């Protein structure tokens, strides 16, 4: 037996109003009374140089590990072994770089105080480096040479604060690799040249739009 449901007059009015409201909204959307929202401005792509993880340059150590061509680094391909190399100086005491090495720009230290090849290279064995305290190092051991003058920076590098560290932060998962000083700094002219600053973060609402809404 089906019983008739009595709908109260108040409920009928409410349902009618809700129906009319939805019909009104549908008509408003159909007629596009509010228009379309303004399209967001296109965000320009960031130069890939700012997101590259590559170091500023490739060190000799990296080149040797990668199996690259190091024939141009063979000093004794041109120089005579067991014969100390003599440097030529100009009238002001600066090293005259031979034309065979005209790609080298000497600029290590202020006031040309470190522009002597043999402050770092061993004049009796060009395949080795030498520290201020007389230690001899292989080319790939250059951080120890840098640290003999730049102690605080070298300690920061050892701690992972200065320079580029990659690999696993949790040592139990795998090894880490610290890039050597010359992976970023040119040993003959260490200061970085001026660089274009990276773009600022994109603002969701540019200042002009925010000010217009506040007014």
N, C-alpha and C. Protein backbone atom coordinates (compact mmCIF):
# COMPACT_ATOMS: atom_id res chain seq x y z
N UNK A 1 0.85 -1.18 0.00
CA UNK A 1 0.00 0.00 0.00
C UNK A 1 0.89 1.24 0.00
N UNK A 2 0.70 2.13 -0.93
CA UNK A 2 1.52 3.34 -1.04
C UNK A 2 0.81 4.49 -0.36
N UNK A 3 1.59 5.10 0.54
CA UNK A 3 1.04 6.25 1.24
C UNK A 3 1.46 7.53 0.54
N UNK A 4 0.54 8.44 0.47
CA UNK A 4 0.86 9.73 -0.15
C UNK A 4 1.69 10.56 0.81
N UNK A 5 2.73 11.20 0.27
CA UNK A 5 3.59 12.05 1.10
C UNK A 5 3.06 13.46 1.05
N UNK A 6 2.80 13.98 2.18
CA UNK A 6 2.31 15.36 2.26
C UNK A 6 3.48 16.32 2.29
N UNK A 7 3.57 17.15 1.30
CA UNK A 7 4.64 18.15 1.25
C UNK A 7 4.10 19.44 1.85
N UNK A 8 4.85 19.93 2.85
CA UNK A 8 4.42 21.14 3.51
C UNK A 8 4.57 22.34 2.58
N UNK A 9 3.67 23.30 2.66
CA UNK A 9 3.77 24.51 1.79
C UNK A 9 5.11 25.22 1.95
N UNK A 10 5.66 25.23 3.19
CA UNK A 10 6.95 25.92 3.41
C UNK A 10 8.07 25.23 2.62
N UNK A 11 8.06 23.91 2.64
CA UNK A 11 9.08 23.16 1.90
C UNK A 11 8.96 23.40 0.40
N UNK A 12 7.74 23.50 -0.06
CA UNK A 12 7.53 23.75 -1.49
C UNK A 12 8.11 25.10 -1.90
N UNK A 13 7.95 26.11 -1.08
CA UNK A 13 8.50 27.42 -1.39
C UNK A 13 10.04 27.38 -1.42
N UNK A 14 10.61 26.67 -0.46
CA UNK A 14 12.08 26.59 -0.42
C UNK A 14 12.62 25.89 -1.65
N UNK A 15 12.03 24.77 -2.02
CA UNK A 15 12.47 24.04 -3.20
C UNK A 15 12.31 24.88 -4.46
N UNK A 16 11.24 25.64 -4.52
CA UNK A 16 11.02 26.51 -5.68
C UNK A 16 12.09 27.59 -5.77
N UNK A 17 12.40 28.19 -4.63
CA UNK A 17 13.44 29.24 -4.62
C UNK A 17 14.81 28.69 -5.00
N UNK A 18 15.13 27.50 -4.48
CA UNK A 18 16.43 26.88 -4.82
C UNK A 18 16.49 26.58 -6.31
N UNK A 19 15.41 26.06 -6.85
CA UNK A 19 15.37 25.75 -8.29
C UNK A 19 15.55 27.01 -9.12
N UNK A 20 14.83 28.08 -8.73
CA UNK A 20 14.96 29.34 -9.47
C UNK A 20 16.38 29.90 -9.37
N UNK A 21 16.99 29.73 -8.19
CA UNK A 21 18.36 30.23 -8.01
C UNK A 21 19.33 29.52 -8.94
N UNK A 22 19.20 28.19 -9.01
CA UNK A 22 20.08 27.43 -9.91
C UNK A 22 19.82 27.77 -11.37
N UNK A 23 18.56 27.98 -11.71
CA UNK A 23 18.25 28.38 -13.08
C UNK A 23 18.83 29.75 -13.40
N UNK A 24 18.79 30.65 -12.39
CA UNK A 24 19.36 31.98 -12.60
C UNK A 24 20.86 31.92 -12.78
N UNK A 25 21.54 31.09 -11.97
CA UNK A 25 22.99 30.93 -12.12
C UNK A 25 23.34 30.33 -13.47
N UNK A 26 22.57 29.33 -13.88
CA UNK A 26 22.83 28.72 -15.18
C UNK A 26 22.70 29.73 -16.31
N UNK A 27 21.67 30.58 -16.22
CA UNK A 27 21.48 31.61 -17.25
C UNK A 27 22.61 32.62 -17.22
N UNK A 28 23.08 32.98 -16.00
CA UNK A 28 24.17 33.95 -15.88
C UNK A 28 25.46 33.42 -16.49
N UNK A 29 25.75 32.12 -16.22
CA UNK A 29 26.95 31.52 -16.80
C UNK A 29 26.82 31.41 -18.32
N UNK A 30 25.62 31.07 -18.77
CA UNK A 30 25.41 30.94 -20.22
C UNK A 30 25.58 32.28 -20.93
N UNK A 31 25.07 33.34 -20.31
CA UNK A 31 25.17 34.67 -20.91
C UNK A 31 26.50 35.35 -20.61
N UNK A 32 27.33 34.68 -19.80
CA UNK A 32 28.68 35.21 -19.47
C UNK A 32 28.58 36.61 -18.87
N UNK A 33 27.75 36.73 -17.84
CA UNK A 33 27.54 38.05 -17.24
C UNK A 33 28.77 38.59 -16.54
N UNK A 34 29.59 37.69 -15.99
CA UNK A 34 30.77 38.14 -15.23
C UNK A 34 32.04 38.19 -16.09
N UNK A 35 31.96 37.75 -17.31
CA UNK A 35 33.14 37.75 -18.17
C UNK A 35 34.13 36.66 -17.77
N UNK A 36 35.24 36.62 -18.47
CA UNK A 36 36.28 35.62 -18.21
C UNK A 36 37.39 36.24 -17.36
N UNK A 37 37.96 35.46 -16.47
CA UNK A 37 39.10 36.00 -15.69
C UNK A 37 40.28 36.30 -16.60
N UNK A 38 41.05 37.29 -16.20
CA UNK A 38 42.24 37.66 -16.99
C UNK A 38 43.23 36.50 -17.02
N UNK A 39 43.80 36.26 -18.17
CA UNK A 39 44.77 35.19 -18.32
C UNK A 39 46.07 35.56 -17.60
N UNK A 40 46.67 34.56 -16.96
CA UNK A 40 47.96 34.79 -16.30
C UNK A 40 49.02 35.11 -17.34
N UNK A 41 49.93 35.98 -16.95
CA UNK A 41 51.02 36.31 -17.85
C UNK A 41 51.95 35.11 -18.02
N UNK A 42 52.50 34.98 -19.19
CA UNK A 42 53.44 33.89 -19.44
C UNK A 42 54.70 34.09 -18.62
N UNK A 43 55.14 33.06 -17.96
CA UNK A 43 56.35 33.12 -17.14
C UNK A 43 57.53 32.71 -18.02
N UNK A 44 58.49 33.59 -18.24
CA UNK A 44 59.63 33.21 -19.09
C UNK A 44 60.45 32.10 -18.46
N UNK A 45 60.99 31.25 -19.30
CA UNK A 45 61.82 30.15 -18.81
C UNK A 45 63.14 30.68 -18.27
N UNK A 46 63.64 30.03 -17.24
CA UNK A 46 64.91 30.42 -16.63
C UNK A 46 66.06 29.91 -17.48
N UNK A 47 67.07 30.74 -17.64
CA UNK A 47 68.26 30.32 -18.37
C UNK A 47 68.82 29.06 -17.73
N UNK A 48 69.12 28.06 -18.54
CA UNK A 48 69.59 26.78 -18.00
C UNK A 48 70.92 26.92 -17.25
N UNK A 49 71.65 28.00 -17.49
CA UNK A 49 72.90 28.19 -16.75
C UNK A 49 72.65 28.32 -15.25
N UNK A 50 71.46 28.82 -14.88
CA UNK A 50 71.16 29.02 -13.47
C UNK A 50 70.72 27.74 -12.76
N UNK A 51 70.36 26.72 -13.52
CA UNK A 51 69.92 25.49 -12.89
C UNK A 51 70.87 24.33 -13.19
N UNK A 52 71.98 24.61 -13.85
CA UNK A 52 72.96 23.58 -14.15
C UNK A 52 73.72 23.20 -12.88
N UNK A 53 73.97 21.92 -12.71
CA UNK A 53 74.73 21.44 -11.55
C UNK A 53 76.22 21.27 -11.87
N UNK A 54 76.61 21.62 -13.08
CA UNK A 54 78.02 21.49 -13.47
C UNK A 54 78.86 22.55 -12.76
N UNK A 55 80.10 22.22 -12.49
CA UNK A 55 81.01 23.19 -11.88
C UNK A 55 81.46 24.21 -12.91
N UNK A 56 82.08 25.28 -12.44
CA UNK A 56 82.46 26.38 -13.33
C UNK A 56 83.50 25.95 -14.36
N UNK A 57 84.30 24.96 -14.04
CA UNK A 57 85.33 24.49 -14.95
C UNK A 57 85.66 23.04 -14.63
N UNK A 58 86.44 22.41 -15.46
CA UNK A 58 86.86 21.03 -15.20
C UNK A 58 88.30 21.03 -14.72
N UNK A 59 88.52 20.47 -13.56
CA UNK A 59 89.87 20.42 -13.00
C UNK A 59 90.68 19.33 -13.69
N UNK A 60 91.99 19.38 -13.48
CA UNK A 60 92.87 18.33 -14.02
C UNK A 60 92.50 16.99 -13.42
N UNK A 61 92.18 16.99 -12.12
CA UNK A 61 91.81 15.74 -11.46
C UNK A 61 90.57 15.13 -12.09
N UNK A 62 89.56 15.97 -12.38
CA UNK A 62 88.34 15.48 -13.03
C UNK A 62 88.64 14.97 -14.43
N UNK A 63 89.50 15.68 -15.14
CA UNK A 63 89.86 15.28 -16.50
C UNK A 63 90.57 13.93 -16.49
N UNK A 64 91.45 13.73 -15.52
CA UNK A 64 92.18 12.46 -15.43
C UNK A 64 91.23 11.32 -15.08
N UNK A 65 90.29 11.58 -14.15
CA UNK A 65 89.35 10.53 -13.76
C UNK A 65 88.40 10.17 -14.90
N UNK A 66 88.07 11.15 -15.73
CA UNK A 66 87.13 10.89 -16.82
C UNK A 66 87.80 10.22 -18.01
N UNK A 67 89.11 10.09 -17.98
CA UNK A 67 89.82 9.48 -19.11
C UNK A 67 89.99 10.42 -20.28
N UNK A 68 89.88 11.73 -20.03
CA UNK A 68 90.01 12.72 -21.09
C UNK A 68 91.45 12.87 -21.57
N UNK A 69 91.61 13.66 -22.59
CA UNK A 69 92.92 13.87 -23.19
C UNK A 69 93.74 14.82 -22.31
N UNK A 70 94.83 14.32 -21.75
CA UNK A 70 95.70 15.13 -20.89
C UNK A 70 97.08 15.32 -21.51
N UNK A 71 97.18 15.07 -22.82
CA UNK A 71 98.48 15.19 -23.48
C UNK A 71 99.01 16.61 -23.41
N UNK A 72 98.09 17.60 -23.41
CA UNK A 72 98.54 19.00 -23.36
C UNK A 72 99.08 19.37 -21.97
N UNK A 73 98.86 18.49 -21.00
CA UNK A 73 99.34 18.75 -19.64
C UNK A 73 100.69 18.10 -19.36
N UNK A 74 101.24 17.46 -20.35
CA UNK A 74 102.55 16.82 -20.20
C UNK A 74 103.65 17.87 -20.37
N UNK A 75 104.13 18.38 -19.25
CA UNK A 75 105.14 19.45 -19.30
C UNK A 75 106.40 19.01 -20.05
N UNK A 76 106.77 17.75 -19.85
CA UNK A 76 108.02 17.28 -20.44
C UNK A 76 107.85 16.82 -21.88
N UNK A 77 106.69 17.10 -22.45
CA UNK A 77 106.56 16.94 -23.88
C UNK A 77 107.33 18.03 -24.61
N UNK A 78 107.56 19.15 -23.90
CA UNK A 78 108.31 20.27 -24.49
C UNK A 78 109.56 20.61 -23.67
N UNK A 79 109.42 20.60 -22.33
CA UNK A 79 110.54 20.97 -21.47
C UNK A 79 111.47 19.78 -21.23
N UNK A 80 112.73 20.10 -21.03
CA UNK A 80 113.74 19.07 -20.80
C UNK A 80 113.74 18.66 -19.34
N UNK A 81 113.70 17.34 -19.12
CA UNK A 81 113.65 16.83 -17.76
C UNK A 81 115.01 17.03 -17.08
N UNK A 82 114.94 17.12 -15.74
CA UNK A 82 116.14 17.27 -14.91
C UNK A 82 116.91 18.55 -15.21
N UNK A 83 116.23 19.51 -15.83
CA UNK A 83 116.86 20.80 -16.10
C UNK A 83 115.92 21.89 -15.58
N UNK A 84 116.29 22.50 -14.45
CA UNK A 84 115.42 23.53 -13.86
C UNK A 84 115.05 24.61 -14.86
N UNK A 85 113.80 24.96 -14.85
CA UNK A 85 113.31 25.97 -15.79
C UNK A 85 113.52 27.36 -15.22
N UNK A 86 114.07 28.25 -16.01
CA UNK A 86 114.31 29.62 -15.58
C UNK A 86 113.19 30.52 -16.08
N UNK A 87 112.73 31.38 -15.20
CA UNK A 87 111.66 32.30 -15.55
C UNK A 87 112.23 33.63 -16.02
N UNK A 88 111.55 34.25 -16.94
CA UNK A 88 111.92 35.58 -17.40
C UNK A 88 111.03 36.60 -16.70
N UNK A 89 111.64 37.66 -16.20
CA UNK A 89 110.91 38.71 -15.49
C UNK A 89 111.04 40.02 -16.24
N UNK A 90 110.00 40.84 -16.15
CA UNK A 90 110.08 42.15 -16.77
C UNK A 90 110.72 43.14 -15.81
N UNK A 91 110.75 44.41 -16.18
CA UNK A 91 111.43 45.42 -15.36
C UNK A 91 110.77 45.58 -13.99
N UNK A 92 109.50 45.25 -13.87
CA UNK A 92 108.79 45.38 -12.60
C UNK A 92 108.79 44.09 -11.79
N UNK A 93 109.48 43.08 -12.29
CA UNK A 93 109.58 41.83 -11.56
C UNK A 93 108.44 40.86 -11.81
N UNK A 94 107.61 41.14 -12.79
CA UNK A 94 106.51 40.23 -13.12
C UNK A 94 106.99 39.16 -14.09
N UNK A 95 106.42 37.97 -13.95
CA UNK A 95 106.79 36.86 -14.83
C UNK A 95 106.32 37.14 -16.25
N UNK A 96 107.20 36.94 -17.19
CA UNK A 96 106.86 37.06 -18.61
C UNK A 96 106.42 35.68 -19.08
N UNK A 97 105.13 35.52 -19.34
CA UNK A 97 104.60 34.22 -19.74
C UNK A 97 104.99 33.95 -21.19
N UNK A 98 105.63 32.83 -21.47
CA UNK A 98 106.02 32.53 -22.85
C UNK A 98 104.81 32.43 -23.76
N UNK A 99 105.03 32.67 -25.04
CA UNK A 99 103.92 32.66 -26.00
C UNK A 99 103.25 31.28 -26.07
N UNK A 100 104.03 30.21 -25.73
CA UNK A 100 103.43 28.87 -25.73
C UNK A 100 102.35 28.73 -24.65
N UNK A 101 102.39 29.62 -23.66
CA UNK A 101 101.41 29.60 -22.57
C UNK A 101 100.63 30.90 -22.52
N UNK A 102 100.38 31.49 -23.68
CA UNK A 102 99.70 32.79 -23.68
C UNK A 102 98.23 32.70 -23.28
N UNK A 103 97.73 31.46 -23.09
CA UNK A 103 96.36 31.30 -22.61
C UNK A 103 96.28 31.43 -21.08
N UNK A 104 97.42 31.51 -20.44
CA UNK A 104 97.47 31.64 -18.97
C UNK A 104 97.50 33.11 -18.60
N UNK A 105 96.55 33.52 -17.78
CA UNK A 105 96.52 34.89 -17.27
C UNK A 105 96.91 34.83 -15.80
N UNK A 106 98.02 35.44 -15.46
CA UNK A 106 98.51 35.41 -14.08
C UNK A 106 97.78 36.47 -13.26
N UNK A 107 97.02 36.03 -12.30
CA UNK A 107 96.30 36.96 -11.44
C UNK A 107 95.96 36.33 -10.11
N UNK A 108 96.96 35.68 -9.51
CA UNK A 108 96.74 34.97 -8.24
C UNK A 108 97.30 35.82 -7.09
N UNK A 109 96.41 36.48 -6.40
CA UNK A 109 96.85 37.32 -5.29
C UNK A 109 96.87 38.78 -5.66
N UNK A 110 96.69 39.63 -4.65
CA UNK A 110 96.69 41.08 -4.88
C UNK A 110 98.10 41.61 -5.09
N UNK A 111 98.21 42.63 -5.89
CA UNK A 111 99.48 43.34 -6.12
C UNK A 111 100.56 42.41 -6.68
N UNK A 112 100.14 41.38 -7.43
CA UNK A 112 101.08 40.46 -8.09
C UNK A 112 102.02 39.76 -7.12
N UNK A 113 101.57 39.58 -5.87
CA UNK A 113 102.45 38.96 -4.89
C UNK A 113 102.62 37.46 -5.11
N UNK A 114 101.72 36.84 -5.86
CA UNK A 114 101.81 35.40 -6.06
C UNK A 114 101.92 35.04 -7.53
N UNK A 115 102.39 35.98 -8.33
CA UNK A 115 102.49 35.74 -9.77
C UNK A 115 103.84 35.15 -10.16
N UNK A 116 104.29 34.18 -9.37
CA UNK A 116 105.52 33.46 -9.68
C UNK A 116 105.16 31.99 -9.82
N UNK A 117 105.45 31.42 -10.96
CA UNK A 117 105.05 30.04 -11.23
C UNK A 117 105.51 29.07 -10.15
N UNK A 118 106.71 29.32 -9.61
CA UNK A 118 107.30 28.38 -8.68
C UNK A 118 106.86 28.59 -7.24
N UNK A 119 105.88 29.46 -7.05
CA UNK A 119 105.24 29.50 -5.74
C UNK A 119 104.37 28.27 -5.54
N UNK A 120 103.95 27.67 -6.66
CA UNK A 120 103.09 26.49 -6.59
C UNK A 120 103.68 25.29 -7.32
N UNK A 121 104.35 25.53 -8.43
CA UNK A 121 104.96 24.44 -9.19
C UNK A 121 106.40 24.21 -8.73
N UNK A 122 106.81 22.94 -8.76
CA UNK A 122 108.18 22.59 -8.41
C UNK A 122 109.08 22.80 -9.62
N UNK A 123 110.03 23.70 -9.48
CA UNK A 123 110.89 24.02 -10.63
C UNK A 123 111.80 22.86 -11.04
N UNK A 124 112.03 21.90 -10.13
CA UNK A 124 112.89 20.76 -10.46
C UNK A 124 112.10 19.58 -11.01
N UNK A 125 110.77 19.60 -10.82
CA UNK A 125 109.90 18.55 -11.35
C UNK A 125 108.55 19.18 -11.66
N UNK A 126 108.34 19.52 -12.91
CA UNK A 126 107.15 20.25 -13.31
C UNK A 126 105.87 19.43 -13.17
N UNK A 127 106.00 18.13 -12.92
CA UNK A 127 104.83 17.29 -12.75
C UNK A 127 104.29 17.34 -11.33
N UNK A 128 105.01 18.04 -10.46
CA UNK A 128 104.61 18.11 -9.05
C UNK A 128 104.30 19.55 -8.64
N UNK A 129 103.52 19.67 -7.59
CA UNK A 129 103.26 20.95 -6.95
C UNK A 129 104.07 21.02 -5.66
N UNK A 130 104.32 22.21 -5.19
CA UNK A 130 105.06 22.34 -3.93
C UNK A 130 104.38 23.38 -3.04
N UNK A 131 104.28 23.05 -1.77
CA UNK A 131 103.64 23.94 -0.81
C UNK A 131 104.67 24.90 -0.23
N UNK A 132 104.18 25.85 0.54
CA UNK A 132 105.08 26.84 1.13
C UNK A 132 106.04 26.20 2.12
N UNK A 133 105.61 25.08 2.74
CA UNK A 133 106.50 24.43 3.71
C UNK A 133 107.35 23.32 3.09
N UNK A 134 107.39 23.26 1.74
CA UNK A 134 108.30 22.35 1.06
C UNK A 134 107.76 20.99 0.72
N UNK A 135 106.50 20.73 0.99
CA UNK A 135 105.92 19.43 0.64
C UNK A 135 105.68 19.36 -0.87
N UNK A 136 105.79 18.15 -1.41
CA UNK A 136 105.55 17.94 -2.83
C UNK A 136 104.24 17.16 -3.00
N UNK A 137 103.42 17.59 -3.93
CA UNK A 137 102.10 17.01 -4.14
C UNK A 137 101.88 16.72 -5.61
N UNK A 138 101.05 15.72 -5.88
CA UNK A 138 100.65 15.46 -7.26
C UNK A 138 99.62 16.51 -7.69
N UNK A 139 99.44 16.65 -8.99
CA UNK A 139 98.51 17.65 -9.51
C UNK A 139 97.10 17.43 -8.96
N UNK A 140 96.69 16.15 -8.85
CA UNK A 140 95.33 15.87 -8.36
C UNK A 140 95.19 16.10 -6.86
N UNK A 141 96.28 16.42 -6.18
CA UNK A 141 96.23 16.72 -4.75
C UNK A 141 96.24 18.23 -4.48
N UNK A 142 95.78 18.98 -5.45
CA UNK A 142 95.86 20.44 -5.38
C UNK A 142 95.16 21.07 -4.17
N UNK A 143 94.05 20.50 -3.62
CA UNK A 143 93.44 21.15 -2.45
C UNK A 143 94.40 21.34 -1.28
N UNK A 144 95.30 20.38 -1.09
CA UNK A 144 96.27 20.53 0.00
C UNK A 144 97.21 21.70 -0.27
N UNK A 145 97.53 21.92 -1.54
CA UNK A 145 98.36 23.08 -1.90
C UNK A 145 97.62 24.37 -1.60
N UNK A 146 96.35 24.44 -2.01
CA UNK A 146 95.55 25.64 -1.75
C UNK A 146 95.43 25.87 -0.24
N UNK A 147 95.26 24.78 0.51
CA UNK A 147 95.11 24.89 1.95
C UNK A 147 96.35 25.36 2.65
N UNK A 148 97.51 25.23 2.02
CA UNK A 148 98.74 25.68 2.68
C UNK A 148 98.79 27.20 2.79
N UNK A 149 97.96 27.91 2.00
CA UNK A 149 97.86 29.37 2.10
C UNK A 149 96.47 29.79 2.60
N UNK A 150 95.45 29.08 2.18
CA UNK A 150 94.07 29.44 2.50
C UNK A 150 93.51 28.47 3.54
N UNK A 151 94.09 28.52 4.73
CA UNK A 151 93.73 27.58 5.78
C UNK A 151 92.26 27.57 6.17
N UNK A 152 91.67 28.72 6.55
CA UNK A 152 90.26 28.72 6.95
C UNK A 152 89.33 28.21 5.85
N UNK A 153 89.58 28.62 4.60
CA UNK A 153 88.74 28.15 3.50
C UNK A 153 88.91 26.65 3.28
N UNK A 154 90.14 26.17 3.45
CA UNK A 154 90.40 24.74 3.29
C UNK A 154 89.66 23.94 4.36
N UNK A 155 89.62 24.44 5.59
CA UNK A 155 88.89 23.74 6.65
C UNK A 155 87.39 23.74 6.36
N UNK A 156 86.89 24.85 5.81
CA UNK A 156 85.47 24.88 5.42
C UNK A 156 85.20 23.87 4.31
N UNK A 157 86.15 23.74 3.38
CA UNK A 157 86.00 22.78 2.29
C UNK A 157 85.98 21.36 2.84
N UNK A 158 86.86 21.06 3.78
CA UNK A 158 86.88 19.72 4.38
C UNK A 158 85.57 19.42 5.10
N UNK A 159 84.98 20.44 5.71
CA UNK A 159 83.72 20.24 6.44
C UNK A 159 82.51 20.23 5.53
N UNK A 160 82.69 20.55 4.26
CA UNK A 160 81.57 20.56 3.32
C UNK A 160 80.83 21.88 3.27
N UNK A 161 81.37 22.92 3.91
CA UNK A 161 80.71 24.22 3.91
C UNK A 161 81.05 25.01 2.65
N UNK A 162 82.29 24.90 2.21
CA UNK A 162 82.75 25.64 1.03
C UNK A 162 82.91 24.66 -0.12
N UNK A 163 82.51 25.07 -1.30
CA UNK A 163 82.71 24.23 -2.48
C UNK A 163 81.50 23.39 -2.82
N UNK A 164 81.71 22.39 -3.65
CA UNK A 164 80.62 21.55 -4.16
C UNK A 164 80.78 20.13 -3.64
N UNK A 165 79.78 19.65 -2.93
CA UNK A 165 79.76 18.28 -2.43
C UNK A 165 78.58 17.55 -3.04
N UNK A 166 78.81 16.34 -3.53
CA UNK A 166 77.73 15.54 -4.10
C UNK A 166 77.82 14.13 -3.53
N UNK A 167 76.79 13.34 -3.80
CA UNK A 167 76.77 11.98 -3.28
C UNK A 167 75.74 11.83 -2.18
N UNK A 168 76.04 11.03 -1.19
CA UNK A 168 75.11 10.71 -0.11
C UNK A 168 75.45 11.48 1.16
N UNK A 169 74.45 12.22 1.67
CA UNK A 169 74.67 12.88 2.95
C UNK A 169 74.79 11.85 4.07
N UNK A 170 74.00 10.78 3.98
CA UNK A 170 74.09 9.70 4.96
C UNK A 170 75.18 8.74 4.50
N UNK A 171 76.32 8.78 5.14
CA UNK A 171 77.50 8.06 4.65
C UNK A 171 77.28 6.56 4.57
N UNK A 172 76.36 6.03 5.39
CA UNK A 172 76.14 4.59 5.37
C UNK A 172 75.49 4.12 4.07
N UNK A 173 74.88 5.04 3.33
CA UNK A 173 74.22 4.69 2.08
C UNK A 173 75.16 4.70 0.89
N UNK A 174 76.24 5.42 0.98
CA UNK A 174 77.17 5.50 -0.14
C UNK A 174 78.18 6.60 0.07
N UNK A 175 79.12 6.75 -0.85
CA UNK A 175 80.20 7.74 -0.70
C UNK A 175 79.75 9.14 -1.08
N UNK A 176 80.56 10.10 -0.71
CA UNK A 176 80.36 11.48 -1.14
C UNK A 176 81.57 11.89 -1.97
N UNK A 177 81.40 12.94 -2.74
CA UNK A 177 82.51 13.46 -3.54
C UNK A 177 82.58 14.96 -3.36
N UNK A 178 83.74 15.44 -2.97
CA UNK A 178 83.97 16.87 -2.87
C UNK A 178 84.79 17.31 -4.07
N UNK A 179 84.25 18.23 -4.84
CA UNK A 179 84.99 18.76 -5.97
C UNK A 179 86.18 19.56 -5.45
N UNK A 180 87.30 19.44 -6.15
CA UNK A 180 88.51 20.13 -5.72
C UNK A 180 88.40 21.62 -6.04
N UNK A 181 89.30 22.41 -5.47
CA UNK A 181 89.26 23.87 -5.61
C UNK A 181 89.26 24.30 -7.08
N UNK A 182 90.08 23.60 -7.88
CA UNK A 182 90.23 24.01 -9.28
C UNK A 182 89.05 23.58 -10.15
N UNK A 183 88.05 22.90 -9.55
CA UNK A 183 86.82 22.63 -10.29
C UNK A 183 85.98 23.89 -10.42
N UNK A 184 86.28 24.87 -9.59
CA UNK A 184 85.55 26.14 -9.63
C UNK A 184 86.49 27.32 -9.90
N UNK A 185 87.67 27.30 -9.29
CA UNK A 185 88.61 28.42 -9.40
C UNK A 185 89.73 28.10 -10.38
N UNK A 186 90.02 29.05 -11.25
CA UNK A 186 91.19 28.93 -12.11
C UNK A 186 92.43 29.14 -11.24
N UNK A 187 93.32 28.17 -11.13
CA UNK A 187 94.45 28.31 -10.21
C UNK A 187 95.36 29.51 -10.52
N UNK A 188 95.41 29.92 -11.77
CA UNK A 188 96.27 31.05 -12.12
C UNK A 188 95.58 32.39 -11.90
N UNK A 189 94.27 32.38 -11.88
CA UNK A 189 93.49 33.60 -11.65
C UNK A 189 92.20 33.21 -10.93
N UNK A 190 92.28 32.97 -9.61
CA UNK A 190 91.15 32.38 -8.87
C UNK A 190 89.87 33.21 -8.77
N UNK A 191 89.92 34.55 -8.73
CA UNK A 191 88.65 35.28 -8.54
C UNK A 191 87.65 34.99 -9.66
N UNK A 192 86.39 34.87 -9.27
CA UNK A 192 85.35 34.66 -10.27
C UNK A 192 85.09 35.97 -11.02
N UNK A 193 84.89 35.90 -12.32
CA UNK A 193 84.49 37.11 -13.06
C UNK A 193 83.05 37.48 -12.70
N UNK A 194 82.64 38.72 -12.96
CA UNK A 194 81.25 39.11 -12.66
C UNK A 194 80.27 38.20 -13.37
N UNK A 195 79.15 37.92 -12.68
CA UNK A 195 78.14 37.04 -13.25
C UNK A 195 76.78 37.71 -13.26
N UNK A 196 75.97 37.31 -14.21
CA UNK A 196 74.59 37.79 -14.27
C UNK A 196 73.82 37.18 -13.11
N UNK A 197 73.15 37.99 -12.29
CA UNK A 197 72.41 37.41 -11.16
C UNK A 197 71.22 36.59 -11.63
N UNK A 198 70.87 35.59 -10.86
CA UNK A 198 69.72 34.75 -11.19
C UNK A 198 68.44 35.56 -11.04
N UNK A 199 67.40 35.24 -11.80
CA UNK A 199 66.15 35.98 -11.69
C UNK A 199 65.47 35.74 -10.34
N UNK A 200 64.72 36.73 -9.90
CA UNK A 200 64.01 36.59 -8.63
C UNK A 200 62.84 35.62 -8.79
N UNK A 201 62.28 35.11 -7.69
CA UNK A 201 61.11 34.23 -7.81
C UNK A 201 59.94 34.95 -8.47
N UNK A 202 59.15 34.21 -9.23
CA UNK A 202 57.99 34.79 -9.91
C UNK A 202 56.90 35.09 -8.89
N UNK A 203 56.33 36.28 -8.95
CA UNK A 203 55.25 36.67 -8.05
C UNK A 203 53.92 36.23 -8.62
N UNK A 204 53.11 35.56 -7.79
CA UNK A 204 51.80 35.14 -8.24
C UNK A 204 50.92 36.34 -8.57
N UNK A 205 51.01 37.38 -7.72
CA UNK A 205 50.28 38.62 -7.94
C UNK A 205 51.29 39.76 -7.99
N UNK A 206 51.58 40.31 -9.15
CA UNK A 206 52.53 41.42 -9.24
C UNK A 206 52.08 42.60 -8.38
N UNK A 207 53.01 43.41 -7.91
CA UNK A 207 52.68 44.52 -7.00
C UNK A 207 51.58 45.45 -7.53
N UNK A 208 51.52 45.73 -8.84
CA UNK A 208 50.51 46.63 -9.40
C UNK A 208 49.11 46.03 -9.21
N UNK A 209 48.98 44.73 -9.41
CA UNK A 209 47.68 44.09 -9.24
C UNK A 209 47.26 44.08 -7.78
N UNK A 210 48.22 43.85 -6.86
CA UNK A 210 47.91 43.83 -5.44
C UNK A 210 47.44 45.21 -4.99
N UNK A 211 48.14 46.26 -5.44
CA UNK A 211 47.77 47.62 -5.07
C UNK A 211 46.38 47.99 -5.59
N UNK A 212 46.05 47.53 -6.81
CA UNK A 212 44.74 47.83 -7.39
C UNK A 212 43.62 47.16 -6.59
N UNK A 213 43.87 45.94 -6.11
CA UNK A 213 42.85 45.24 -5.32
C UNK A 213 42.66 45.89 -3.96
N UNK A 214 43.77 46.37 -3.37
CA UNK A 214 43.66 47.02 -2.05
C UNK A 214 42.86 48.32 -2.13
N UNK A 215 42.94 49.00 -3.29
CA UNK A 215 42.21 50.25 -3.45
C UNK A 215 40.74 49.98 -3.78
